[in-house]
Each structure stands twice: as C-alpha cells, then as structure tokens.
Amino acid sequence: MTAVTALLVWRDSCHFDHWADLPCVLCGSPTPLRSHKKEPVHKVCAEAWNQANPRELGKGRFVSDAQTRRTKNVHA
C-alpha cells in the first residue's frame, strides 16, 4: 500500500516565472513553475517526488504555501 500525500498548494506568485521556462529538475521538460527553493519543477512532479520520498516531507524541498486563516467579514 502506498502512502497518500496531500497536493501542494502553490497559489503565491513566487511559484511562477513570467520570463523563462527552465528544465524541470525531475523530468527535464520546460516549466515556468518554481519551488520555494527556486528550483524549476512541475507541481505534479514535486507531488510525485513527495509521495515517493515520504521521509523527506517537511524538510523543505517541495512544500505548500503557508496557509493563512481567512476570517469572514462581519458587517454591522
């Protein structure tokens, strides 16, 4: 049985390079996406790597954006 890992949340604009597609560090195909460590990597490649390397989770190579807690606006 394989471990199930959560999908990465990369909503922050720092994950997208508007100027250059570079080879993904995992598959070699061009991508405008960047990890938190500025590595060019497809999100699906990073998720697959996380699933294949569960002992590396939480060590910072491929992580989700920090989740901010949204509060509802209360109007009087």
N, C-alpha and C. Protein backbone atom coordinates (compact mmCIF):
# COMPACT_ATOMS: atom_id res chain seq x y z
N MET A 1 0.85 -1.18 0.00
CA MET A 1 0.00 0.00 0.00
C MET A 1 0.90 1.25 0.00
N THR A 2 0.59 2.21 -0.87
CA THR A 2 1.41 3.41 -0.96
C THR A 2 0.87 4.50 -0.06
N ALA A 3 1.77 5.35 0.39
CA ALA A 3 1.38 6.46 1.25
C ALA A 3 0.70 7.53 0.41
N VAL A 4 -0.32 8.12 0.96
CA VAL A 4 -1.03 9.20 0.28
C VAL A 4 -0.51 10.52 0.83
N THR A 5 -0.11 11.39 -0.08
CA THR A 5 0.37 12.70 0.34
C THR A 5 -0.60 13.76 -0.16
N ALA A 6 -0.62 14.87 0.53
CA ALA A 6 -1.51 15.96 0.16
C ALA A 6 -0.97 16.66 -1.08
N LEU A 7 -1.88 17.23 -1.85
CA LEU A 7 -1.48 18.02 -3.01
C LEU A 7 -0.85 19.33 -2.53
N LEU A 8 0.12 19.80 -3.28
CA LEU A 8 0.77 21.06 -2.93
C LEU A 8 -0.13 22.24 -3.26
N VAL A 9 -0.11 23.24 -2.42
CA VAL A 9 -0.83 24.49 -2.67
C VAL A 9 0.21 25.53 -3.02
N TRP A 10 0.26 25.88 -4.30
CA TRP A 10 1.20 26.88 -4.78
C TRP A 10 0.44 28.03 -5.42
N ARG A 11 -0.24 28.80 -4.60
CA ARG A 11 -1.03 29.93 -5.10
C ARG A 11 -0.23 31.22 -5.16
N ASP A 12 0.84 31.29 -4.39
CA ASP A 12 1.66 32.50 -4.34
C ASP A 12 2.34 32.71 -5.70
N SER A 13 2.44 33.95 -6.12
CA SER A 13 3.02 34.27 -7.42
C SER A 13 4.52 33.95 -7.50
N CYS A 14 5.17 33.73 -6.36
CA CYS A 14 6.61 33.39 -6.39
C CYS A 14 6.86 32.05 -7.07
N HIS A 15 5.83 31.25 -7.28
CA HIS A 15 5.99 29.95 -7.92
C HIS A 15 5.95 30.02 -9.44
N PHE A 16 5.74 31.22 -9.99
CA PHE A 16 5.63 31.36 -11.44
C PHE A 16 6.65 32.36 -11.96
N ASP A 17 7.46 31.92 -12.91
CA ASP A 17 8.46 32.78 -13.54
C ASP A 17 7.88 33.26 -14.87
N HIS A 18 7.57 34.53 -14.94
CA HIS A 18 6.95 35.09 -16.15
C HIS A 18 7.94 35.22 -17.30
N TRP A 19 9.21 35.07 -17.04
CA TRP A 19 10.22 35.37 -18.05
C TRP A 19 10.88 34.15 -18.67
N ALA A 20 10.91 33.02 -17.98
CA ALA A 20 11.67 31.89 -18.54
C ALA A 20 11.08 30.54 -18.13
N ASP A 21 11.03 29.64 -19.11
CA ASP A 21 10.75 28.24 -18.84
C ASP A 21 12.10 27.55 -18.74
N LEU A 22 12.34 26.88 -17.65
CA LEU A 22 13.58 26.14 -17.45
C LEU A 22 13.27 24.65 -17.34
N PRO A 23 14.25 23.78 -17.56
CA PRO A 23 14.00 22.34 -17.45
C PRO A 23 13.66 21.94 -16.00
N CYS A 24 12.60 21.17 -15.85
CA CYS A 24 12.21 20.64 -14.55
C CYS A 24 13.35 19.79 -13.99
N VAL A 25 13.67 19.99 -12.70
CA VAL A 25 14.77 19.24 -12.09
C VAL A 25 14.45 17.75 -11.96
N LEU A 26 13.18 17.38 -12.15
CA LEU A 26 12.80 15.98 -12.00
C LEU A 26 12.54 15.28 -13.33
N CYS A 27 11.89 15.96 -14.29
CA CYS A 27 11.57 15.28 -15.55
C CYS A 27 12.29 15.86 -16.76
N GLY A 28 12.84 17.08 -16.64
CA GLY A 28 13.58 17.67 -17.73
C GLY A 28 12.77 18.48 -18.73
N SER A 29 11.44 18.42 -18.66
CA SER A 29 10.60 19.21 -19.57
C SER A 29 10.54 20.66 -19.09
N PRO A 30 10.38 21.61 -20.01
CA PRO A 30 10.33 23.02 -19.63
C PRO A 30 9.15 23.35 -18.72
N THR A 31 9.38 24.24 -17.76
CA THR A 31 8.31 24.68 -16.87
C THR A 31 8.58 26.10 -16.37
N PRO A 32 7.51 26.89 -16.24
CA PRO A 32 7.66 28.22 -15.64
C PRO A 32 7.52 28.17 -14.11
N LEU A 33 7.20 27.00 -13.57
CA LEU A 33 6.97 26.88 -12.12
C LEU A 33 8.28 26.74 -11.36
N ARG A 34 8.26 27.27 -10.11
CA ARG A 34 9.44 27.21 -9.24
C ARG A 34 9.02 26.76 -7.85
N SER A 35 9.87 25.98 -7.21
CA SER A 35 9.62 25.56 -5.83
C SER A 35 9.95 26.72 -4.90
N HIS A 36 9.75 26.52 -3.61
CA HIS A 36 10.12 27.55 -2.63
C HIS A 36 11.62 27.82 -2.64
N LYS A 37 12.39 26.81 -3.05
CA LYS A 37 13.85 26.96 -3.13
C LYS A 37 14.28 27.40 -4.53
N LYS A 38 13.32 27.89 -5.33
CA LYS A 38 13.57 28.42 -6.68
C LYS A 38 14.02 27.37 -7.69
N GLU A 39 13.78 26.09 -7.39
CA GLU A 39 14.09 25.04 -8.36
C GLU A 39 12.98 25.00 -9.41
N PRO A 40 13.32 24.92 -10.70
CA PRO A 40 12.28 24.75 -11.70
C PRO A 40 11.71 23.33 -11.59
N VAL A 41 10.41 23.24 -11.36
CA VAL A 41 9.79 21.93 -11.18
C VAL A 41 8.29 22.04 -11.42
N HIS A 42 7.73 21.04 -12.12
CA HIS A 42 6.28 20.98 -12.28
C HIS A 42 5.65 20.63 -10.94
N LYS A 43 4.49 21.16 -10.67
CA LYS A 43 3.80 20.86 -9.41
C LYS A 43 3.52 19.36 -9.30
N VAL A 44 3.09 18.74 -10.39
CA VAL A 44 2.79 17.30 -10.34
C VAL A 44 4.06 16.48 -10.14
N CYS A 45 5.18 16.94 -10.69
CA CYS A 45 6.45 16.24 -10.47
C CYS A 45 6.85 16.34 -9.00
N ALA A 46 6.68 17.52 -8.41
CA ALA A 46 7.01 17.71 -7.00
C ALA A 46 6.11 16.86 -6.11
N GLU A 47 4.83 16.77 -6.45
CA GLU A 47 3.91 15.94 -5.67
C GLU A 47 4.27 14.46 -5.77
N ALA A 48 4.66 14.03 -6.97
CA ALA A 48 5.08 12.63 -7.16
C ALA A 48 6.36 12.36 -6.38
N TRP A 49 7.30 13.32 -6.37
CA TRP A 49 8.54 13.16 -5.62
C TRP A 49 8.23 13.06 -4.12
N ASN A 50 7.33 13.91 -3.63
CA ASN A 50 6.95 13.86 -2.22
C ASN A 50 6.36 12.50 -1.86
N GLN A 51 5.53 11.95 -2.74
CA GLN A 51 4.92 10.65 -2.48
C GLN A 51 5.97 9.53 -2.49
N ALA A 52 6.94 9.64 -3.39
CA ALA A 52 7.99 8.61 -3.48
C ALA A 52 9.04 8.74 -2.38
N ASN A 53 9.10 9.91 -1.74
CA ASN A 53 10.11 10.17 -0.70
C ASN A 53 9.44 10.67 0.58
N PRO A 54 8.61 9.86 1.21
CA PRO A 54 7.86 10.32 2.39
C PRO A 54 8.75 10.74 3.56
N ARG A 55 9.95 10.20 3.65
CA ARG A 55 10.84 10.57 4.76
C ARG A 55 11.39 11.99 4.60
N GLU A 56 11.30 12.53 3.39
CA GLU A 56 11.79 13.88 3.12
C GLU A 56 10.73 14.95 3.35
N LEU A 57 9.47 14.53 3.55
CA LEU A 57 8.40 15.50 3.76
C LEU A 57 8.70 16.36 4.97
N GLY A 58 8.44 17.64 4.84
CA GLY A 58 8.67 18.56 5.95
C GLY A 58 10.09 19.08 6.03
N LYS A 59 10.97 18.60 5.16
CA LYS A 59 12.35 19.07 5.18
C LYS A 59 12.57 20.26 4.25
N GLY A 60 11.52 20.67 3.54
CA GLY A 60 11.58 21.91 2.81
C GLY A 60 11.86 21.90 1.33
N ARG A 61 12.05 20.75 0.69
CA ARG A 61 12.32 20.81 -0.75
C ARG A 61 11.07 21.21 -1.52
N PHE A 62 10.00 20.45 -1.38
CA PHE A 62 8.75 20.76 -2.05
C PHE A 62 7.65 20.84 -0.99
N VAL A 63 7.26 22.05 -0.65
CA VAL A 63 6.27 22.27 0.40
C VAL A 63 5.16 23.18 -0.12
N SER A 64 4.03 23.17 0.57
CA SER A 64 2.92 24.05 0.23
C SER A 64 3.16 25.45 0.78
N ASP A 65 2.45 26.39 0.20
CA ASP A 65 2.47 27.76 0.72
C ASP A 65 1.91 27.74 2.14
N ALA A 66 2.35 28.69 2.94
CA ALA A 66 1.80 28.83 4.30
C ALA A 66 0.31 29.15 4.18
N GLN A 67 -0.47 28.46 4.96
CA GLN A 67 -1.91 28.68 4.93
C GLN A 67 -2.28 29.81 5.87
N THR A 68 -2.94 30.80 5.33
CA THR A 68 -3.42 31.88 6.17
C THR A 68 -4.87 31.61 6.50
N ARG A 69 -5.23 31.91 7.69
CA ARG A 69 -6.59 31.67 8.13
C ARG A 69 -7.46 32.83 7.68
N ARG A 70 -8.47 32.53 6.93
CA ARG A 70 -9.38 33.57 6.46
C ARG A 70 -10.54 33.69 7.43
N THR A 71 -10.83 34.92 7.76
CA THR A 71 -11.97 35.16 8.63
C THR A 71 -13.05 35.85 7.83
N LYS A 72 -14.26 35.57 8.18
CA LYS A 72 -15.39 36.20 7.48
C LYS A 72 -15.53 37.64 7.96
N ASN A 73 -15.79 38.50 7.00
CA ASN A 73 -16.05 39.89 7.36
C ASN A 73 -17.43 39.99 7.96
N VAL A 74 -17.51 40.59 9.11
CA VAL A 74 -18.79 40.77 9.77
C VAL A 74 -19.19 42.23 9.62
N HIS A 75 -20.30 42.42 8.98
CA HIS A 75 -20.80 43.79 8.76
C HIS A 75 -21.93 44.06 9.73
N ALA A 76 -21.86 45.19 10.39
CA ALA A 76 -22.90 45.55 11.35
C ALA A 76 -24.06 46.21 10.65
